[in-house]
């Protein structure tokens, strides 16, 4: 499946196979921020064999936008595939431009959810681990060990928790 490529204004300019995307290309990603009523945040540790950011912690759900797919279509599909989440309504949040080794726009969605960690169904190979973190833990980890998080995630966490 080809990935959606965009320009600096997030307008579609073409499509490329994931393996052909270079550091000069800008693509699209959707991500889901899940909190519970105790103000804990659900994070996922990426699979150790993933091409990008293996073993790093990031959004509970995230995915690259496929050809002809919207941000919203993608996040619902990824939520079902990655953690078995269905029947919930996500709220659209900020869209952030991330620049670095990879360049992309990330459309964030949010959800407040009361669910025990063992009620999620992790997608084999995609997610190594799921865990609820307190806000204090996250802010401490960002300060002391930012390298354990996916690229661009620390900026969103800092904005979201400030």
C-alpha atoms as a PDB file:
ATOM      1  CA  UNK A   1       0.000   0.000   0.000  1.00  0.00           C
ATOM      2  CA  UNK A   2       1.308   3.444  -0.890  1.00  0.00           C
ATOM      3  CA  UNK A   3       1.653   6.235   1.681  1.00  0.00           C
ATOM      4  CA  UNK A   4       0.230   9.725   1.202  1.00  0.00           C
ATOM      5  CA  UNK A   5       2.818  12.437   0.523  1.00  0.00           C
ATOM      6  CA  UNK A   6       2.057  16.098   1.204  1.00  0.00           C
ATOM      7  CA  UNK A   7       3.673  19.516   0.825  1.00  0.00           C
ATOM      8  CA  UNK A   8       4.552  22.012   3.587  1.00  0.00           C
ATOM      9  CA  UNK A   9       0.851  22.963   3.795  1.00  0.00           C
ATOM     10  CA  UNK A  10      -0.340  19.358   4.251  1.00  0.00           C
ATOM     11  CA  UNK A  11      -1.816  19.233   0.743  1.00  0.00           C
ATOM     12  CA  UNK A  12      -1.572  15.883  -1.059  1.00  0.00           C
ATOM     13  CA  UNK A  13       1.076  15.860  -3.789  1.00  0.00           C
ATOM     14  CA  UNK A  14       1.445  12.132  -4.441  1.00  0.00           C
ATOM     15  CA  UNK A  15       1.938   8.633  -3.100  1.00  0.00           C
ATOM     16  CA  UNK A  16       4.938   6.362  -2.476  1.00  0.00           C
ATOM     17  CA  UNK A  17       5.635   2.900  -1.225  1.00  0.00           C
ATOM     18  CA  UNK A  18       6.669   3.056   2.443  1.00  0.00           C
ATOM     19  CA  UNK A  19      10.085   1.572   1.639  1.00  0.00           C
ATOM     20  CA  UNK A  20      10.723   4.365  -0.913  1.00  0.00           C
ATOM     21  CA  UNK A  21       9.988   7.296   1.410  1.00  0.00           C
ATOM     22  CA  UNK A  22      13.085   9.430   1.928  1.00  0.00           C
ATOM     23  CA  UNK A  23      13.973  12.023   4.556  1.00  0.00           C
ATOM     24  CA  UNK A  24      12.987  14.736   2.050  1.00  0.00           C
ATOM     25  CA  UNK A  25       9.416  13.459   1.753  1.00  0.00           C
ATOM     26  CA  UNK A  26       6.626  14.706   4.016  1.00  0.00           C
ATOM     27  CA  UNK A  27       3.935  12.163   4.848  1.00  0.00           C
ATOM     28  CA  UNK A  28       0.920  11.919   7.154  1.00  0.00           C
ATOM     29  CA  UNK A  29       0.449  10.145  10.488  1.00  0.00           C
ATOM     30  CA  UNK A  30      -2.515   9.876  12.840  1.00  0.00           C
ATOM     31  CA  UNK A  31      -2.081   9.276  16.586  1.00  0.00           C
ATOM     32  CA  UNK A  32      -4.374   8.655  19.547  1.00  0.00           C
ATOM     33  CA  UNK A  33      -3.849  10.090  23.051  1.00  0.00           C
ATOM     34  CA  UNK A  34      -5.808   8.003  25.591  1.00  0.00           C
ATOM     35  CA  UNK A  35      -6.323   9.109  29.187  1.00  0.00           C
ATOM     36  CA  UNK A  36      -8.428   7.698  32.010  1.00  0.00           C
ATOM     37  CA  UNK A  37     -10.269   9.469  34.834  1.00  0.00           C
ATOM     38  CA  UNK A  38      -7.187   9.137  37.072  1.00  0.00           C
ATOM     39  CA  UNK A  39      -5.286  11.360  34.599  1.00  0.00           C
ATOM     40  CA  UNK A  40      -3.120   8.423  33.534  1.00  0.00           C
ATOM     41  CA  UNK A  41      -1.983   8.195  29.924  1.00  0.00           C
ATOM     42  CA  UNK A  42      -1.877   4.972  27.910  1.00  0.00           C
ATOM     43  CA  UNK A  43       1.337   4.533  25.939  1.00  0.00           C
ATOM     44  CA  UNK A  44       2.480   1.765  23.636  1.00  0.00           C
ATOM     45  CA  UNK A  45       5.991   0.450  23.280  1.00  0.00           C
ATOM     46  CA  UNK A  46       6.669  -0.203  19.604  1.00  0.00           C
ATOM     47  CA  UNK A  47       7.697  -3.662  18.478  1.00  0.00           C
ATOM     48  CA  UNK A  48      11.437  -4.310  18.571  1.00  0.00           C
ATOM     49  CA  UNK A  49      11.488  -5.265  14.879  1.00  0.00           C
ATOM     50  CA  UNK A  50       9.777  -2.074  13.637  1.00  0.00           C
ATOM     51  CA  UNK A  51      11.696  -0.105  10.980  1.00  0.00           C
ATOM     52  CA  UNK A  52      11.211   3.264  12.705  1.00  0.00           C
ATOM     53  CA  UNK A  53      11.706   3.805  16.449  1.00  0.00           C
ATOM     54  CA  UNK A  54      11.865   0.112  17.458  1.00  0.00           C
ATOM     55  CA  UNK A  55      11.203  -0.462  21.160  1.00  0.00           C
ATOM     56  CA  UNK A  56      10.433   3.183  21.861  1.00  0.00           C
ATOM     57  CA  UNK A  57       7.367   4.434  23.735  1.00  0.00           C
ATOM     58  CA  UNK A  58       4.798   6.571  21.964  1.00  0.00           C
ATOM     59  CA  UNK A  59       1.122   7.149  21.397  1.00  0.00           C
ATOM     60  CA  UNK A  60      -1.234   4.325  22.363  1.00  0.00           C
ATOM     61  CA  UNK A  61      -2.131   4.104  18.681  1.00  0.00           C
ATOM     62  CA  UNK A  62      -0.422   5.604  15.641  1.00  0.00           C
ATOM     63  CA  UNK A  63      -0.281   4.897  11.946  1.00  0.00           C
ATOM     64  CA  UNK A  64       0.923   6.212   8.614  1.00  0.00           C
ATOM     65  CA  UNK A  65      -1.859   7.338   6.287  1.00  0.00           C
ATOM     66  CA  UNK A  66      -2.354   5.043   3.321  1.00  0.00           C
ATOM     67  CA  UNK A  67      -3.293   6.159  -0.176  1.00  0.00           C
ATOM     68  CA  UNK A  68      -6.882   7.495  -0.339  1.00  0.00           C
ATOM     69  CA  UNK A  69      -7.256   7.341   3.456  1.00  0.00           C
ATOM     70  CA  UNK A  70      -8.109  10.301   5.714  1.00  0.00           C
ATOM     71  CA  UNK A  71      -6.543  10.983   9.104  1.00  0.00           C
ATOM     72  CA  UNK A  72      -9.825   9.981  10.750  1.00  0.00           C
ATOM     73  CA  UNK A  73     -10.273   6.755   8.768  1.00  0.00           C
ATOM     74  CA  UNK A  74      -6.710   5.794   9.606  1.00  0.00           C
ATOM     75  CA  UNK A  75      -6.938   6.321  13.376  1.00  0.00           C
ATOM     76  CA  UNK A  76     -10.082   4.187  13.710  1.00  0.00           C
ATOM     77  CA  UNK A  77      -8.514   1.428  11.598  1.00  0.00           C
ATOM     78  CA  UNK A  78      -5.249   1.535  13.560  1.00  0.00           C
ATOM     79  CA  UNK A  79      -7.049   1.560  16.945  1.00  0.00           C
ATOM     80  CA  UNK A  80      -8.851  -1.646  16.025  1.00  0.00           C
ATOM     81  CA  UNK A  81      -5.767  -3.331  14.555  1.00  0.00           C
ATOM     82  CA  UNK A  82      -3.203  -2.292  17.172  1.00  0.00           C
ATOM     83  CA  UNK A  83      -5.101  -2.510  20.480  1.00  0.00           C
ATOM     84  CA  UNK A  84      -8.511  -4.007  19.617  1.00  0.00           C
ATOM     85  CA  UNK A  85     -10.359  -0.751  20.320  1.00  0.00           C
ATOM     86  CA  UNK A  86     -13.765  -0.361  18.672  1.00  0.00           C
ATOM     87  CA  UNK A  87     -17.016   1.492  19.330  1.00  0.00           C
ATOM     88  CA  UNK A  88     -15.397   4.637  20.759  1.00  0.00           C
ATOM     89  CA  UNK A  89     -15.605   8.188  19.417  1.00  0.00           C
ATOM     90  CA  UNK A  90     -12.326  10.068  19.181  1.00  0.00           C
ATOM     91  CA  UNK A  91     -12.029  13.846  19.438  1.00  0.00           C
ATOM     92  CA  UNK A  92      -9.828  15.647  16.931  1.00  0.00           C
ATOM     93  CA  UNK A  93      -6.956  17.516  18.578  1.00  0.00           C
ATOM     94  CA  UNK A  94      -3.958  19.407  17.196  1.00  0.00           C
ATOM     95  CA  UNK A  95      -2.158  18.694  13.953  1.00  0.00           C
ATOM     96  CA  UNK A  96       1.591  19.022  14.416  1.00  0.00           C
ATOM     97  CA  UNK A  97       4.427  19.193  11.907  1.00  0.00           C
ATOM     98  CA  UNK A  98       7.337  16.972  12.939  1.00  0.00           C
ATOM     99  CA  UNK A  99      10.747  17.486  11.343  1.00  0.00           C
ATOM    100  CA  UNK A 100      13.845  15.436  11.865  1.00  0.00           C
ATOM    101  CA  UNK A 101      15.057  12.151  10.512  1.00  0.00           C
ATOM    102  CA  UNK A 102      11.516  11.710   9.183  1.00  0.00           C
ATOM    103  CA  UNK A 103       9.162  14.541   8.179  1.00  0.00           C
ATOM    104  CA  UNK A 104       5.447  14.298   8.674  1.00  0.00           C
ATOM    105  CA  UNK A 105       2.237  15.918   9.803  1.00  0.00           C
ATOM    106  CA  UNK A 106       0.678  14.185  12.789  1.00  0.00           C
ATOM    107  CA  UNK A 107      -3.050  14.602  13.386  1.00  0.00           C
ATOM    108  CA  UNK A 108      -3.740  13.868  17.053  1.00  0.00           C
ATOM    109  CA  UNK A 109      -7.009  12.473  18.365  1.00  0.00           C
ATOM    110  CA  UNK A 110      -7.973  12.099  22.022  1.00  0.00           C
ATOM    111  CA  UNK A 111     -10.105   9.730  24.075  1.00  0.00           C
ATOM    112  CA  UNK A 112     -10.978   9.350  27.751  1.00  0.00           C
ATOM    113  CA  UNK A 113     -11.348   5.643  28.453  1.00  0.00           C
ATOM    114  CA  UNK A 114     -11.813   3.508  31.549  1.00  0.00           C
ATOM    115  CA  UNK A 115     -10.232   0.174  30.726  1.00  0.00           C
ATOM    116  CA  UNK A 116      -7.854  -2.189  32.446  1.00  0.00           C
ATOM    117  CA  UNK A 117      -4.590  -2.785  30.625  1.00  0.00           C
ATOM    118  CA  UNK A 118      -5.327  -6.492  30.101  1.00  0.00           C
ATOM    119  CA  UNK A 119      -8.576  -5.622  28.262  1.00  0.00           C
ATOM    120  CA  UNK A 120      -6.615  -4.366  25.255  1.00  0.00           C
ATOM    121  CA  UNK A 121      -5.595  -6.757  22.483  1.00  0.00           C
ATOM    122  CA  UNK A 122      -2.043  -5.967  21.320  1.00  0.00           C
ATOM    123  CA  UNK A 123      -1.209  -6.531  17.662  1.00  0.00           C
ATOM    124  CA  UNK A 124       1.643  -9.040  17.487  1.00  0.00           C
ATOM    125  CA  UNK A 125       4.857  -7.482  16.176  1.00  0.00           C
ATOM    126  CA  UNK A 126       3.474  -3.950  16.201  1.00  0.00           C
ATOM    127  CA  UNK A 127       3.195  -3.381  19.948  1.00  0.00           C
ATOM    128  CA  UNK A 128       5.590  -4.837  22.482  1.00  0.00           C
ATOM    129  CA  UNK A 129       3.875  -3.490  25.581  1.00  0.00           C
ATOM    130  CA  UNK A 130       1.051  -1.211  26.777  1.00  0.00           C
ATOM    131  CA  UNK A 131       1.133   0.715  30.017  1.00  0.00           C
ATOM    132  CA  UNK A 132      -0.740   3.430  31.899  1.00  0.00           C
ATOM    133  CA  UNK A 133       1.662   6.206  33.003  1.00  0.00           C
ATOM    134  CA  UNK A 134       0.923   8.992  35.469  1.00  0.00           C
ATOM    135  CA  UNK A 135       1.472  12.522  34.206  1.00  0.00           C
ATOM    136  CA  UNK A 136       4.241  12.973  36.747  1.00  0.00           C
ATOM    137  CA  UNK A 137       6.024   9.839  35.485  1.00  0.00           C
ATOM    138  CA  UNK A 138       5.835  11.065  31.892  1.00  0.00           C
ATOM    139  CA  UNK A 139       7.182  14.516  32.659  1.00  0.00           C
ATOM    140  CA  UNK A 140      10.007  12.976  34.705  1.00  0.00           C
ATOM    141  CA  UNK A 141      10.885  10.526  31.902  1.00  0.00           C
ATOM    142  CA  UNK A 142      10.878  13.276  29.276  1.00  0.00           C
ATOM    143  CA  UNK A 143      13.338  15.238  31.368  1.00  0.00           C
ATOM    144  CA  UNK A 144      15.618  12.321  32.290  1.00  0.00           C
ATOM    145  CA  UNK A 145      15.285   9.887  29.364  1.00  0.00           C
ATOM    146  CA  UNK A 146      13.748  11.518  26.273  1.00  0.00           C
ATOM    147  CA  UNK A 147      15.466   8.935  24.050  1.00  0.00           C
ATOM    148  CA  UNK A 148      12.982   6.239  25.135  1.00  0.00           C
ATOM    149  CA  UNK A 149      10.172   8.020  23.245  1.00  0.00           C
ATOM    150  CA  UNK A 150       9.384   8.125  19.543  1.00  0.00           C
ATOM    151  CA  UNK A 151      10.517  11.095  17.495  1.00  0.00           C
ATOM    152  CA  UNK A 152       8.251  14.101  17.995  1.00  0.00           C
ATOM    153  CA  UNK A 153       6.333  12.554  20.899  1.00  0.00           C
ATOM    154  CA  UNK A 154       8.068  14.493  23.692  1.00  0.00           C
ATOM    155  CA  UNK A 155       6.937  17.815  22.204  1.00  0.00           C
ATOM    156  CA  UNK A 156       3.317  16.691  22.143  1.00  0.00           C
ATOM    157  CA  UNK A 157       3.480  15.305  25.699  1.00  0.00           C
ATOM    158  CA  UNK A 158       4.970  18.522  27.005  1.00  0.00           C
ATOM    159  CA  UNK A 159       2.279  20.650  25.308  1.00  0.00           C
ATOM    160  CA  UNK A 160      -0.502  18.310  26.367  1.00  0.00           C
ATOM    161  CA  UNK A 161       0.532  18.059  30.020  1.00  0.00           C
ATOM    162  CA  UNK A 162       1.486  21.710  30.587  1.00  0.00           C
END
